[in-house]
Amino acid sequence: MIYIQKGKEPVSLIQQKNTPSMSFDDLDKTEIRNQLLVEQKYLCAYCMRRIRDNNSLKIEHYHARNKENEMDYKNLLAVCDGNQKRKSETGRIDPRRFTCDTKKGNNTLTLNPQKKSDMETIYYDNSGKIYSKNSVYNKELNEILNLNDKYGTLISNRKAALKPVIHKLNEIPKGKSAETLLRKLEKVYNNTDSLGQYQEYVGIIQWYIKKHLKRY
């Protein structure tokens, strides 16, 4: 997970929610989806998988949806499909593999990707597992969001995303040259590409670089 800085409420949402009897299901969500994607740099708010404006993208209500908050823009996040359609070897949908909003359902989540202080508690290990220094948040990562899904590929995907960075650092001698490379990598992975996208699973890369820069 990484910090998400929300922008201004989309004009279309303001206009539509002021229409009498309009509900979230009735909304034209085109502008909402586009703005969420741009804000989140085309990554799922929870697992950091790549998301695009297609059938796999879901709009998540961070606080369980009700009439008071269903059109509150600060309550909306773009997320992946959470494996809700992915079948196991038996050809059946496997609920054990559900992640993100699909796993969360209407459960209460206190770890908020829109709070920088919450995201500063997040850390990883080199195997790709995600943790929080806060015991409550750590439990939510595993039990509500299932971000260390032992039946899926999130852990191995994060490890694979980190591997090229580790390889680059292992190729050079320790010291000044290592710090210089880390600074360059920090600049690369703290910014988006030409399409406004972050590297998929960028959170573990940013954590790793920041951890090693502390040595200097």
N, C-alpha and C. Protein backbone atom coordinates (compact mmCIF):
# COMPACT_ATOMS: atom_id res chain seq x y z
N MET A 1 0.84 -1.19 0.00
CA MET A 1 0.00 0.00 0.00
C MET A 1 0.88 1.24 0.00
N ILE A 2 0.38 2.28 -0.62
CA ILE A 2 1.08 3.56 -0.64
C ILE A 2 0.08 4.69 -0.38
N TYR A 3 0.61 5.84 0.00
CA TYR A 3 -0.23 6.99 0.31
C TYR A 3 -0.93 7.51 -0.94
N ILE A 4 -2.24 7.75 -0.81
CA ILE A 4 -3.05 8.29 -1.90
C ILE A 4 -3.51 9.69 -1.52
N GLN A 5 -3.13 10.66 -2.32
CA GLN A 5 -3.54 12.04 -2.07
C GLN A 5 -4.74 12.37 -2.93
N LYS A 6 -5.87 12.59 -2.30
CA LYS A 6 -7.11 12.84 -3.04
C LYS A 6 -7.11 14.26 -3.63
N GLY A 7 -7.69 14.35 -4.83
CA GLY A 7 -7.85 15.65 -5.47
C GLY A 7 -9.23 16.22 -5.21
N LYS A 8 -9.59 17.22 -5.99
CA LYS A 8 -10.90 17.83 -5.84
C LYS A 8 -11.98 16.87 -6.32
N GLU A 9 -13.15 17.04 -5.76
CA GLU A 9 -14.29 16.21 -6.14
C GLU A 9 -14.63 16.45 -7.61
N PRO A 10 -14.83 15.39 -8.39
CA PRO A 10 -15.17 15.56 -9.81
C PRO A 10 -16.44 16.38 -10.00
N VAL A 11 -16.42 17.24 -11.00
CA VAL A 11 -17.57 18.12 -11.26
C VAL A 11 -18.83 17.30 -11.51
N SER A 12 -18.68 16.23 -12.27
CA SER A 12 -19.86 15.41 -12.60
C SER A 12 -20.49 14.80 -11.36
N LEU A 13 -19.68 14.45 -10.37
CA LEU A 13 -20.21 13.88 -9.14
C LEU A 13 -20.99 14.94 -8.36
N ILE A 14 -20.45 16.15 -8.31
CA ILE A 14 -21.15 17.24 -7.62
C ILE A 14 -22.51 17.49 -8.25
N GLN A 15 -22.51 17.53 -9.56
CA GLN A 15 -23.76 17.80 -10.28
C GLN A 15 -24.78 16.68 -10.09
N GLN A 16 -24.30 15.46 -10.18
CA GLN A 16 -25.23 14.32 -10.12
C GLN A 16 -25.77 14.08 -8.72
N LYS A 17 -24.94 14.25 -7.71
CA LYS A 17 -25.43 13.95 -6.37
C LYS A 17 -26.39 15.01 -5.85
N ASN A 18 -26.43 16.16 -6.53
CA ASN A 18 -27.41 17.19 -6.19
C ASN A 18 -28.73 17.01 -6.92
N THR A 19 -28.78 15.95 -7.73
CA THR A 19 -30.03 15.63 -8.43
C THR A 19 -30.92 14.80 -7.50
N PRO A 20 -32.15 15.22 -7.29
CA PRO A 20 -33.06 14.50 -6.39
C PRO A 20 -33.19 13.02 -6.76
N SER A 21 -33.22 12.17 -5.75
CA SER A 21 -33.42 10.73 -5.89
C SER A 21 -32.26 10.00 -6.58
N MET A 22 -31.15 10.69 -6.82
CA MET A 22 -29.99 10.04 -7.45
C MET A 22 -29.25 9.17 -6.43
N SER A 23 -28.93 7.95 -6.80
CA SER A 23 -28.15 7.06 -5.93
C SER A 23 -26.82 6.76 -6.60
N PHE A 24 -25.91 6.13 -5.86
CA PHE A 24 -24.60 5.81 -6.42
C PHE A 24 -24.72 4.89 -7.63
N ASP A 25 -25.65 3.98 -7.58
CA ASP A 25 -25.83 3.04 -8.69
C ASP A 25 -26.28 3.75 -9.96
N ASP A 26 -26.93 4.91 -9.81
CA ASP A 26 -27.44 5.64 -10.97
C ASP A 26 -26.40 6.55 -11.62
N LEU A 27 -25.28 6.76 -10.95
CA LEU A 27 -24.29 7.72 -11.41
C LEU A 27 -23.62 7.30 -12.71
N ASP A 28 -23.29 8.30 -13.52
CA ASP A 28 -22.34 8.09 -14.62
C ASP A 28 -20.95 8.21 -13.98
N LYS A 29 -20.24 7.11 -13.88
CA LYS A 29 -18.99 7.07 -13.10
C LYS A 29 -17.74 7.28 -13.95
N THR A 30 -17.91 7.68 -15.20
CA THR A 30 -16.76 7.82 -16.10
C THR A 30 -15.69 8.75 -15.54
N GLU A 31 -16.08 9.96 -15.17
CA GLU A 31 -15.11 10.93 -14.65
C GLU A 31 -14.56 10.49 -13.30
N ILE A 32 -15.40 9.88 -12.49
CA ILE A 32 -14.97 9.41 -11.18
C ILE A 32 -13.87 8.35 -11.34
N ARG A 33 -14.11 7.37 -12.20
CA ARG A 33 -13.11 6.31 -12.43
C ARG A 33 -11.81 6.90 -12.94
N ASN A 34 -11.91 7.80 -13.91
CA ASN A 34 -10.70 8.40 -14.50
C ASN A 34 -9.89 9.16 -13.46
N GLN A 35 -10.57 9.93 -12.61
CA GLN A 35 -9.85 10.73 -11.62
C GLN A 35 -9.23 9.83 -10.55
N LEU A 36 -9.94 8.79 -10.14
CA LEU A 36 -9.38 7.86 -9.16
C LEU A 36 -8.12 7.19 -9.70
N LEU A 37 -8.16 6.78 -10.97
CA LEU A 37 -7.00 6.15 -11.59
C LEU A 37 -5.80 7.08 -11.62
N VAL A 38 -6.03 8.33 -11.98
CA VAL A 38 -4.94 9.31 -12.05
C VAL A 38 -4.36 9.54 -10.65
N GLU A 39 -5.23 9.70 -9.65
CA GLU A 39 -4.77 9.93 -8.27
C GLU A 39 -3.95 8.76 -7.76
N GLN A 40 -4.36 7.55 -8.11
CA GLN A 40 -3.71 6.35 -7.59
C GLN A 40 -2.62 5.82 -8.52
N LYS A 41 -2.34 6.58 -9.56
CA LYS A 41 -1.29 6.23 -10.52
C LYS A 41 -1.52 4.84 -11.12
N TYR A 42 -2.80 4.50 -11.32
CA TYR A 42 -3.21 3.26 -11.98
C TYR A 42 -2.84 2.01 -11.20
N LEU A 43 -2.88 2.13 -9.86
CA LEU A 43 -2.65 0.98 -8.99
C LEU A 43 -3.83 0.79 -8.06
N CYS A 44 -4.14 -0.47 -7.74
CA CYS A 44 -5.17 -0.77 -6.75
C CYS A 44 -4.79 -0.10 -5.43
N ALA A 45 -5.76 0.50 -4.76
CA ALA A 45 -5.51 1.22 -3.52
C ALA A 45 -4.94 0.33 -2.42
N TYR A 46 -5.16 -0.97 -2.52
CA TYR A 46 -4.73 -1.88 -1.47
C TYR A 46 -3.53 -2.74 -1.87
N CYS A 47 -3.64 -3.54 -2.91
CA CYS A 47 -2.58 -4.49 -3.23
C CYS A 47 -1.54 -3.96 -4.22
N MET A 48 -1.82 -2.84 -4.89
CA MET A 48 -0.91 -2.20 -5.85
C MET A 48 -0.79 -2.96 -7.17
N ARG A 49 -1.76 -3.82 -7.46
CA ARG A 49 -1.81 -4.40 -8.80
C ARG A 49 -2.18 -3.31 -9.79
N ARG A 50 -1.77 -3.47 -11.05
CA ARG A 50 -2.14 -2.53 -12.09
C ARG A 50 -3.65 -2.59 -12.33
N ILE A 51 -4.31 -1.46 -12.37
CA ILE A 51 -5.73 -1.40 -12.71
C ILE A 51 -5.92 -0.41 -13.84
N ARG A 52 -6.93 -0.67 -14.66
CA ARG A 52 -7.27 0.20 -15.77
C ARG A 52 -8.78 0.38 -15.81
N ASP A 53 -9.24 1.27 -16.64
CA ASP A 53 -10.67 1.54 -16.72
C ASP A 53 -11.35 0.46 -17.56
N ASN A 54 -11.51 -0.71 -16.97
CA ASN A 54 -12.19 -1.80 -17.67
C ASN A 54 -13.03 -2.59 -16.66
N ASN A 55 -13.45 -3.75 -17.03
CA ASN A 55 -14.35 -4.53 -16.17
C ASN A 55 -13.70 -5.02 -14.88
N SER A 56 -12.35 -5.02 -14.81
CA SER A 56 -11.68 -5.49 -13.60
C SER A 56 -11.57 -4.40 -12.53
N LEU A 57 -11.85 -3.16 -12.87
CA LEU A 57 -11.76 -2.06 -11.92
C LEU A 57 -13.07 -1.96 -11.13
N LYS A 58 -12.94 -1.78 -9.83
CA LYS A 58 -14.11 -1.58 -8.97
C LYS A 58 -13.94 -0.26 -8.22
N ILE A 59 -15.05 0.39 -7.93
CA ILE A 59 -15.01 1.58 -7.06
C ILE A 59 -15.42 1.11 -5.67
N GLU A 60 -14.50 1.27 -4.74
CA GLU A 60 -14.68 0.79 -3.38
C GLU A 60 -15.09 1.93 -2.45
N HIS A 61 -16.01 1.64 -1.54
CA HIS A 61 -16.36 2.56 -0.46
C HIS A 61 -15.50 2.18 0.75
N TYR A 62 -14.57 3.04 1.10
CA TYR A 62 -13.66 2.74 2.22
C TYR A 62 -14.46 2.45 3.49
N HIS A 63 -15.38 3.35 3.83
CA HIS A 63 -16.34 3.07 4.89
C HIS A 63 -17.54 2.41 4.24
N ALA A 64 -18.06 1.37 4.86
CA ALA A 64 -19.17 0.62 4.27
C ALA A 64 -20.27 1.57 3.77
N ARG A 65 -20.71 1.31 2.57
CA ARG A 65 -21.64 2.19 1.88
C ARG A 65 -22.98 2.32 2.60
N ASN A 66 -23.44 3.57 2.71
CA ASN A 66 -24.79 3.87 3.19
C ASN A 66 -25.29 5.11 2.48
N LYS A 67 -26.49 5.54 2.76
CA LYS A 67 -27.08 6.68 2.05
C LYS A 67 -26.32 7.98 2.30
N GLU A 68 -25.69 8.08 3.46
CA GLU A 68 -24.98 9.32 3.80
C GLU A 68 -23.62 9.43 3.13
N ASN A 69 -22.95 8.30 2.91
CA ASN A 69 -21.57 8.39 2.41
C ASN A 69 -21.36 7.82 1.01
N GLU A 70 -22.40 7.28 0.38
CA GLU A 70 -22.19 6.57 -0.88
C GLU A 70 -21.67 7.47 -2.01
N MET A 71 -21.92 8.78 -1.91
CA MET A 71 -21.42 9.70 -2.94
C MET A 71 -20.42 10.71 -2.39
N ASP A 72 -19.82 10.36 -1.25
CA ASP A 72 -18.75 11.17 -0.67
C ASP A 72 -17.45 10.80 -1.36
N TYR A 73 -16.87 11.71 -2.11
CA TYR A 73 -15.70 11.38 -2.92
C TYR A 73 -14.52 10.90 -2.07
N LYS A 74 -14.38 11.43 -0.86
CA LYS A 74 -13.28 11.02 0.01
C LYS A 74 -13.44 9.57 0.47
N ASN A 75 -14.62 9.02 0.26
CA ASN A 75 -14.88 7.64 0.66
C ASN A 75 -14.69 6.65 -0.49
N LEU A 76 -14.28 7.16 -1.65
CA LEU A 76 -14.18 6.32 -2.84
C LEU A 76 -12.72 6.02 -3.21
N LEU A 77 -12.45 4.77 -3.52
CA LEU A 77 -11.13 4.34 -3.96
C LEU A 77 -11.30 3.40 -5.15
N ALA A 78 -10.30 3.37 -6.01
CA ALA A 78 -10.30 2.42 -7.13
C ALA A 78 -9.52 1.18 -6.70
N VAL A 79 -10.11 0.02 -6.92
CA VAL A 79 -9.46 -1.23 -6.51
C VAL A 79 -9.56 -2.28 -7.61
N CYS A 80 -8.78 -3.34 -7.45
CA CYS A 80 -8.82 -4.45 -8.40
C CYS A 80 -10.03 -5.34 -8.12
N ASP A 81 -10.19 -6.39 -8.89
CA ASP A 81 -11.34 -7.27 -8.70
C ASP A 81 -11.17 -8.24 -7.53
N GLY A 82 -9.99 -8.23 -6.90
CA GLY A 82 -9.78 -9.04 -5.71
C GLY A 82 -9.93 -10.53 -5.91
N ASN A 83 -9.67 -10.99 -7.14
CA ASN A 83 -9.76 -12.42 -7.49
C ASN A 83 -11.17 -12.99 -7.39
N GLN A 84 -12.17 -12.14 -7.47
CA GLN A 84 -13.53 -12.65 -7.29
C GLN A 84 -14.00 -13.52 -8.45
N LYS A 85 -13.28 -13.44 -9.59
CA LYS A 85 -13.66 -14.27 -10.73
C LYS A 85 -12.60 -15.31 -11.08
N ARG A 86 -11.51 -15.33 -10.31
CA ARG A 86 -10.41 -16.23 -10.63
C ARG A 86 -10.68 -17.63 -10.08
N LYS A 87 -10.57 -18.62 -10.94
CA LYS A 87 -10.87 -19.99 -10.55
C LYS A 87 -9.61 -20.75 -10.16
N SER A 88 -9.78 -21.71 -9.28
CA SER A 88 -8.67 -22.56 -8.85
C SER A 88 -8.50 -23.71 -9.84
N GLU A 89 -7.60 -24.62 -9.50
CA GLU A 89 -7.33 -25.77 -10.38
C GLU A 89 -8.57 -26.65 -10.55
N THR A 90 -9.48 -26.60 -9.58
CA THR A 90 -10.70 -27.41 -9.65
C THR A 90 -11.76 -26.78 -10.55
N GLY A 91 -11.48 -25.54 -11.03
CA GLY A 91 -12.45 -24.86 -11.88
C GLY A 91 -13.48 -24.08 -11.11
N ARG A 92 -13.28 -23.95 -9.79
CA ARG A 92 -14.24 -23.22 -8.95
C ARG A 92 -13.62 -21.93 -8.42
N ILE A 93 -14.48 -20.98 -8.11
CA ILE A 93 -14.02 -19.75 -7.45
C ILE A 93 -13.58 -20.12 -6.04
N ASP A 94 -12.40 -19.64 -5.66
CA ASP A 94 -11.84 -19.97 -4.35
C ASP A 94 -11.85 -18.75 -3.44
N PRO A 95 -12.80 -18.66 -2.49
CA PRO A 95 -12.88 -17.50 -1.59
C PRO A 95 -11.62 -17.28 -0.77
N ARG A 96 -10.80 -18.31 -0.60
CA ARG A 96 -9.56 -18.14 0.17
C ARG A 96 -8.61 -17.18 -0.54
N ARG A 97 -8.80 -17.00 -1.84
CA ARG A 97 -7.91 -16.13 -2.61
C ARG A 97 -8.44 -14.71 -2.74
N PHE A 98 -9.60 -14.43 -2.17
CA PHE A 98 -10.16 -13.09 -2.25
C PHE A 98 -9.25 -12.11 -1.52
N THR A 99 -9.03 -10.95 -2.13
CA THR A 99 -8.20 -9.91 -1.53
C THR A 99 -8.91 -8.56 -1.66
N CYS A 100 -8.31 -7.55 -1.04
CA CYS A 100 -8.74 -6.15 -1.21
C CYS A 100 -10.22 -5.97 -0.88
N ASP A 101 -10.95 -5.23 -1.67
CA ASP A 101 -12.35 -4.95 -1.38
C ASP A 101 -13.21 -6.21 -1.41
N THR A 102 -12.89 -7.14 -2.29
CA THR A 102 -13.66 -8.38 -2.38
C THR A 102 -13.58 -9.16 -1.07
N LYS A 103 -12.42 -9.19 -0.44
CA LYS A 103 -12.25 -9.83 0.86
C LYS A 103 -12.84 -8.96 1.97
N LYS A 104 -12.66 -7.68 1.88
CA LYS A 104 -13.08 -6.74 2.93
C LYS A 104 -14.59 -6.71 3.13
N GLY A 105 -15.34 -6.68 2.02
CA GLY A 105 -16.80 -6.61 2.14
C GLY A 105 -17.22 -5.39 2.95
N ASN A 106 -18.06 -5.60 3.95
CA ASN A 106 -18.53 -4.51 4.81
C ASN A 106 -17.78 -4.43 6.13
N ASN A 107 -16.65 -5.14 6.22
CA ASN A 107 -15.85 -5.07 7.44
C ASN A 107 -15.25 -3.67 7.61
N THR A 108 -15.04 -3.29 8.85
CA THR A 108 -14.45 -1.99 9.15
C THR A 108 -12.94 -2.04 9.02
N LEU A 109 -12.39 -1.11 8.26
CA LEU A 109 -10.94 -1.00 8.08
C LEU A 109 -10.50 0.33 8.67
N THR A 110 -9.53 0.30 9.57
CA THR A 110 -9.02 1.54 10.16
C THR A 110 -7.74 2.02 9.49
N LEU A 111 -7.00 1.09 8.88
CA LEU A 111 -5.81 1.45 8.10
C LEU A 111 -6.27 2.14 6.83
N ASN A 112 -5.86 3.40 6.66
CA ASN A 112 -6.40 4.22 5.58
C ASN A 112 -5.29 4.68 4.64
N PRO A 113 -5.32 4.27 3.37
CA PRO A 113 -4.28 4.70 2.42
C PRO A 113 -4.30 6.20 2.13
N GLN A 114 -5.34 6.90 2.59
CA GLN A 114 -5.39 8.35 2.41
C GLN A 114 -4.73 9.10 3.57
N LYS A 115 -4.21 8.37 4.55
CA LYS A 115 -3.51 8.98 5.68
C LYS A 115 -2.03 8.64 5.60
N LYS A 116 -1.21 9.65 5.44
CA LYS A 116 0.23 9.43 5.31
C LYS A 116 0.80 8.75 6.55
N SER A 117 0.31 9.13 7.74
CA SER A 117 0.82 8.53 8.97
C SER A 117 0.53 7.03 9.03
N ASP A 118 -0.60 6.61 8.50
CA ASP A 118 -0.92 5.18 8.45
C ASP A 118 0.04 4.46 7.50
N MET A 119 0.30 5.07 6.36
CA MET A 119 1.17 4.43 5.37
C MET A 119 2.62 4.38 5.83
N GLU A 120 3.00 5.27 6.73
CA GLU A 120 4.37 5.26 7.25
C GLU A 120 4.62 4.10 8.21
N THR A 121 3.55 3.40 8.62
CA THR A 121 3.72 2.22 9.47
C THR A 121 3.98 0.96 8.64
N ILE A 122 3.80 1.06 7.33
CA ILE A 122 3.91 -0.10 6.44
C ILE A 122 5.38 -0.44 6.16
N TYR A 123 5.69 -1.72 6.20
CA TYR A 123 7.01 -2.19 5.78
C TYR A 123 6.88 -3.59 5.19
N TYR A 124 7.95 -4.09 4.63
CA TYR A 124 7.95 -5.39 3.94
C TYR A 124 9.17 -6.19 4.35
N ASP A 125 9.24 -7.42 3.87
CA ASP A 125 10.50 -8.15 3.94
C ASP A 125 10.89 -8.52 2.51
N ASN A 126 12.09 -9.03 2.34
CA ASN A 126 12.59 -9.30 0.99
C ASN A 126 11.86 -10.43 0.28
N SER A 127 11.06 -11.20 1.04
CA SER A 127 10.29 -12.27 0.41
C SER A 127 9.02 -11.74 -0.25
N GLY A 128 8.67 -10.48 0.06
CA GLY A 128 7.48 -9.88 -0.54
C GLY A 128 6.30 -9.73 0.39
N LYS A 129 6.45 -10.12 1.65
CA LYS A 129 5.34 -10.00 2.60
C LYS A 129 5.22 -8.56 3.10
N ILE A 130 3.98 -8.15 3.37
CA ILE A 130 3.70 -6.80 3.83
C ILE A 130 3.30 -6.84 5.31
N TYR A 131 3.73 -5.81 6.07
CA TYR A 131 3.45 -5.72 7.50
C TYR A 131 3.14 -4.27 7.87
N SER A 132 2.67 -4.09 9.11
CA SER A 132 2.55 -2.76 9.68
C SER A 132 3.14 -2.79 11.09
N LYS A 133 3.78 -1.69 11.49
CA LYS A 133 4.31 -1.58 12.85
C LYS A 133 3.17 -1.48 13.87
N ASN A 134 1.97 -1.14 13.39
CA ASN A 134 0.79 -1.06 14.24
C ASN A 134 0.11 -2.43 14.25
N SER A 135 -0.07 -3.03 15.41
CA SER A 135 -0.60 -4.39 15.50
C SER A 135 -2.02 -4.51 14.96
N VAL A 136 -2.83 -3.48 15.13
CA VAL A 136 -4.20 -3.50 14.61
C VAL A 136 -4.17 -3.47 13.08
N TYR A 137 -3.38 -2.56 12.53
CA TYR A 137 -3.25 -2.47 11.08
C TYR A 137 -2.69 -3.77 10.50
N ASN A 138 -1.72 -4.35 11.21
CA ASN A 138 -1.11 -5.58 10.72
C ASN A 138 -2.14 -6.71 10.62
N LYS A 139 -3.02 -6.76 11.60
CA LYS A 139 -4.09 -7.76 11.57
C LYS A 139 -5.04 -7.51 10.40
N GLU A 140 -5.33 -6.24 10.14
CA GLU A 140 -6.23 -5.89 9.04
C GLU A 140 -5.62 -6.23 7.68
N LEU A 141 -4.32 -6.03 7.54
CA LEU A 141 -3.64 -6.39 6.29
C LEU A 141 -3.85 -7.86 5.95
N ASN A 142 -3.83 -8.70 6.99
CA ASN A 142 -3.94 -10.13 6.79
C ASN A 142 -5.36 -10.65 6.80
N GLU A 143 -6.17 -10.19 7.74
CA GLU A 143 -7.49 -10.78 7.92
C GLU A 143 -8.59 -10.08 7.16
N ILE A 144 -8.48 -8.77 6.96
CA ILE A 144 -9.53 -8.03 6.24
C ILE A 144 -9.21 -7.88 4.76
N LEU A 145 -7.94 -7.60 4.45
CA LEU A 145 -7.55 -7.39 3.05
C LEU A 145 -6.85 -8.60 2.43
N ASN A 146 -6.35 -9.50 3.25
CA ASN A 146 -5.66 -10.70 2.77
C ASN A 146 -4.50 -10.37 1.82
N LEU A 147 -3.69 -9.39 2.19
CA LEU A 147 -2.61 -8.96 1.31
C LEU A 147 -1.38 -9.86 1.38
N ASN A 148 -1.40 -10.83 2.30
CA ASN A 148 -0.36 -11.87 2.30
C ASN A 148 -0.99 -13.21 1.94
N ASP A 149 -1.80 -13.17 0.92
CA ASP A 149 -2.57 -14.31 0.44
C ASP A 149 -1.65 -15.51 0.13
N LYS A 150 -1.72 -16.54 0.96
CA LYS A 150 -0.83 -17.70 0.75
C LYS A 150 -1.29 -18.60 -0.39
N TYR A 151 -2.50 -18.35 -0.89
CA TYR A 151 -3.00 -19.17 -2.00
C TYR A 151 -2.82 -18.47 -3.35
N GLY A 152 -2.40 -17.23 -3.32
CA GLY A 152 -2.30 -16.45 -4.55
C GLY A 152 -0.89 -16.04 -4.88
N THR A 153 -0.75 -14.92 -5.60
CA THR A 153 0.56 -14.52 -6.14
C THR A 153 1.04 -13.15 -5.65
N LEU A 154 0.33 -12.53 -4.73
CA LEU A 154 0.72 -11.18 -4.31
C LEU A 154 2.13 -11.15 -3.73
N ILE A 155 2.45 -12.09 -2.86
CA ILE A 155 3.77 -12.11 -2.23
C ILE A 155 4.87 -12.30 -3.29
N SER A 156 4.69 -13.28 -4.15
CA SER A 156 5.71 -13.54 -5.18
C SER A 156 5.79 -12.40 -6.20
N ASN A 157 4.67 -11.74 -6.47
CA ASN A 157 4.69 -10.60 -7.41
C ASN A 157 5.45 -9.42 -6.82
N ARG A 158 5.27 -9.18 -5.54
CA ARG A 158 6.03 -8.09 -4.91
C ARG A 158 7.52 -8.42 -4.88
N LYS A 159 7.83 -9.66 -4.60
CA LYS A 159 9.24 -10.07 -4.60
C LYS A 159 9.85 -9.90 -5.99
N ALA A 160 9.09 -10.26 -7.01
CA ALA A 160 9.58 -10.14 -8.39
C ALA A 160 9.77 -8.68 -8.78
N ALA A 161 8.91 -7.79 -8.29
CA ALA A 161 9.04 -6.36 -8.59
C ALA A 161 10.30 -5.79 -7.95
N LEU A 162 10.65 -6.30 -6.77
CA LEU A 162 11.82 -5.81 -6.04
C LEU A 162 13.13 -6.39 -6.58
N LYS A 163 13.09 -7.55 -7.16
CA LYS A 163 14.30 -8.28 -7.57
C LYS A 163 15.25 -7.46 -8.45
N PRO A 164 14.77 -6.75 -9.50
CA PRO A 164 15.70 -5.98 -10.34
C PRO A 164 16.44 -4.89 -9.57
N VAL A 165 15.79 -4.30 -8.57
CA VAL A 165 16.43 -3.26 -7.76
C VAL A 165 17.56 -3.87 -6.93
N ILE A 166 17.28 -4.99 -6.29
CA ILE A 166 18.31 -5.68 -5.49
C ILE A 166 19.48 -6.09 -6.38
N HIS A 167 19.15 -6.58 -7.57
CA HIS A 167 20.20 -7.02 -8.52
C HIS A 167 21.11 -5.86 -8.91
N LYS A 168 20.52 -4.71 -9.19
CA LYS A 168 21.33 -3.54 -9.56
C LYS A 168 22.26 -3.13 -8.43
N LEU A 169 21.76 -3.16 -7.21
CA LEU A 169 22.58 -2.76 -6.07
C LEU A 169 23.69 -3.77 -5.78
N ASN A 170 23.41 -5.03 -6.01
CA ASN A 170 24.41 -6.07 -5.76
C ASN A 170 25.55 -6.05 -6.78
N GLU A 171 25.31 -5.39 -7.92
CA GLU A 171 26.32 -5.35 -8.98
C GLU A 171 27.42 -4.32 -8.73
N ILE A 172 27.16 -3.38 -7.85
CA ILE A 172 28.13 -2.30 -7.65
C ILE A 172 28.76 -2.40 -6.26
N PRO A 173 29.97 -1.84 -6.09
CA PRO A 173 30.63 -1.88 -4.78
C PRO A 173 29.91 -0.97 -3.77
N LYS A 174 30.04 -1.30 -2.50
CA LYS A 174 29.42 -0.50 -1.45
C LYS A 174 30.10 0.86 -1.37
N GLY A 175 29.38 1.83 -0.80
CA GLY A 175 29.96 3.14 -0.62
C GLY A 175 29.27 4.21 -1.43
N LYS A 176 30.05 5.17 -1.89
CA LYS A 176 29.50 6.34 -2.57
C LYS A 176 28.70 5.95 -3.81
N SER A 177 29.19 4.99 -4.58
CA SER A 177 28.50 4.60 -5.80
C SER A 177 27.15 3.98 -5.50
N ALA A 178 27.05 3.25 -4.38
CA ALA A 178 25.79 2.64 -3.99
C ALA A 178 24.77 3.73 -3.62
N GLU A 179 25.24 4.73 -2.90
CA GLU A 179 24.34 5.82 -2.52
C GLU A 179 23.86 6.56 -3.77
N THR A 180 24.75 6.81 -4.70
CA THR A 180 24.38 7.51 -5.94
C THR A 180 23.31 6.74 -6.70
N LEU A 181 23.49 5.42 -6.80
CA LEU A 181 22.49 4.61 -7.50
C LEU A 181 21.16 4.62 -6.76
N LEU A 182 21.21 4.54 -5.44
CA LEU A 182 19.97 4.57 -4.65
C LEU A 182 19.21 5.87 -4.88
N ARG A 183 19.94 6.98 -4.94
CA ARG A 183 19.30 8.28 -5.18
C ARG A 183 18.63 8.30 -6.55
N LYS A 184 19.29 7.73 -7.54
CA LYS A 184 18.72 7.68 -8.88
C LYS A 184 17.48 6.80 -8.91
N LEU A 185 17.57 5.65 -8.24
CA LEU A 185 16.43 4.73 -8.19
C LEU A 185 15.26 5.35 -7.43
N GLU A 186 15.58 6.09 -6.37
CA GLU A 186 14.54 6.76 -5.59
C GLU A 186 13.76 7.73 -6.48
N LYS A 187 14.48 8.46 -7.30
CA LYS A 187 13.85 9.42 -8.20
C LYS A 187 12.96 8.71 -9.21
N VAL A 188 13.44 7.59 -9.73
CA VAL A 188 12.68 6.83 -10.73
C VAL A 188 11.40 6.29 -10.13
N TYR A 189 11.49 5.65 -8.98
CA TYR A 189 10.33 4.93 -8.42
C TYR A 189 9.41 5.82 -7.59
N ASN A 190 9.81 7.05 -7.34
CA ASN A 190 8.91 8.00 -6.69
C ASN A 190 8.15 8.84 -7.71
N ASN A 191 8.40 8.58 -8.97
CA ASN A 191 7.72 9.31 -10.04
C ASN A 191 7.03 8.32 -10.98
N THR A 192 6.14 8.86 -11.80
CA THR A 192 5.39 8.02 -12.72
C THR A 192 6.07 7.99 -14.09
N ASP A 193 5.61 7.06 -14.94
CA ASP A 193 6.12 6.99 -16.30
C ASP A 193 5.39 7.99 -17.18
N SER A 194 5.61 7.92 -18.47
CA SER A 194 5.02 8.89 -19.41
C SER A 194 3.50 8.79 -19.47
N LEU A 195 2.93 7.69 -18.99
CA LEU A 195 1.48 7.50 -18.99
C LEU A 195 0.86 7.85 -17.64
N GLY A 196 1.68 8.36 -16.73
CA GLY A 196 1.18 8.72 -15.41
C GLY A 196 1.01 7.53 -14.49
N GLN A 197 1.70 6.43 -14.78
CA GLN A 197 1.56 5.21 -14.02
C GLN A 197 2.76 4.99 -13.09
N TYR A 198 2.48 4.50 -11.89
CA TYR A 198 3.54 4.00 -11.03
C TYR A 198 3.91 2.59 -11.47
N GLN A 199 5.12 2.19 -11.16
CA GLN A 199 5.53 0.79 -11.30
C GLN A 199 4.58 -0.07 -10.46
N GLU A 200 4.14 -1.18 -11.01
CA GLU A 200 3.27 -2.09 -10.27
C GLU A 200 4.00 -2.58 -9.01
N TYR A 201 3.29 -2.62 -7.90
CA TYR A 201 3.82 -3.02 -6.59
C TYR A 201 4.95 -2.09 -6.13
N VAL A 202 4.82 -0.82 -6.47
CA VAL A 202 5.90 0.13 -6.20
C VAL A 202 6.18 0.32 -4.70
N GLY A 203 5.20 0.03 -3.85
CA GLY A 203 5.37 0.25 -2.42
C GLY A 203 6.57 -0.47 -1.83
N ILE A 204 6.78 -1.74 -2.22
CA ILE A 204 7.88 -2.50 -1.67
C ILE A 204 9.22 -1.95 -2.18
N ILE A 205 9.22 -1.42 -3.39
CA ILE A 205 10.45 -0.84 -3.95
C ILE A 205 10.80 0.46 -3.21
N GLN A 206 9.81 1.31 -3.01
CA GLN A 206 10.05 2.56 -2.29
C GLN A 206 10.53 2.29 -0.87
N TRP A 207 9.93 1.30 -0.22
CA TRP A 207 10.35 0.93 1.14
C TRP A 207 11.80 0.48 1.15
N TYR A 208 12.18 -0.38 0.22
CA TYR A 208 13.52 -0.96 0.18
C TYR A 208 14.57 0.14 -0.04
N ILE A 209 14.30 1.02 -0.98
CA ILE A 209 15.25 2.10 -1.27
C ILE A 209 15.38 3.03 -0.08
N LYS A 210 14.27 3.39 0.53
CA LYS A 210 14.29 4.28 1.69
C LYS A 210 15.05 3.64 2.85
N LYS A 211 14.85 2.35 3.07
CA LYS A 211 15.53 1.64 4.15
C LYS A 211 17.05 1.68 3.95
N HIS A 212 17.51 1.47 2.73
CA HIS A 212 18.94 1.43 2.47
C HIS A 212 19.56 2.83 2.43
N LEU A 213 18.76 3.83 2.07
CA LEU A 213 19.30 5.19 2.07
C LEU A 213 19.57 5.70 3.50
N LYS A 214 18.89 5.13 4.48
CA LYS A 214 19.09 5.54 5.87
C LYS A 214 20.53 5.29 6.32
N ARG A 215 21.22 4.38 5.63
CA ARG A 215 22.61 4.07 5.98
C ARG A 215 23.54 5.25 5.66
N TYR A 216 23.07 6.12 4.75
CA TYR A 216 23.93 7.21 4.31
C TYR A 216 23.48 8.55 4.89
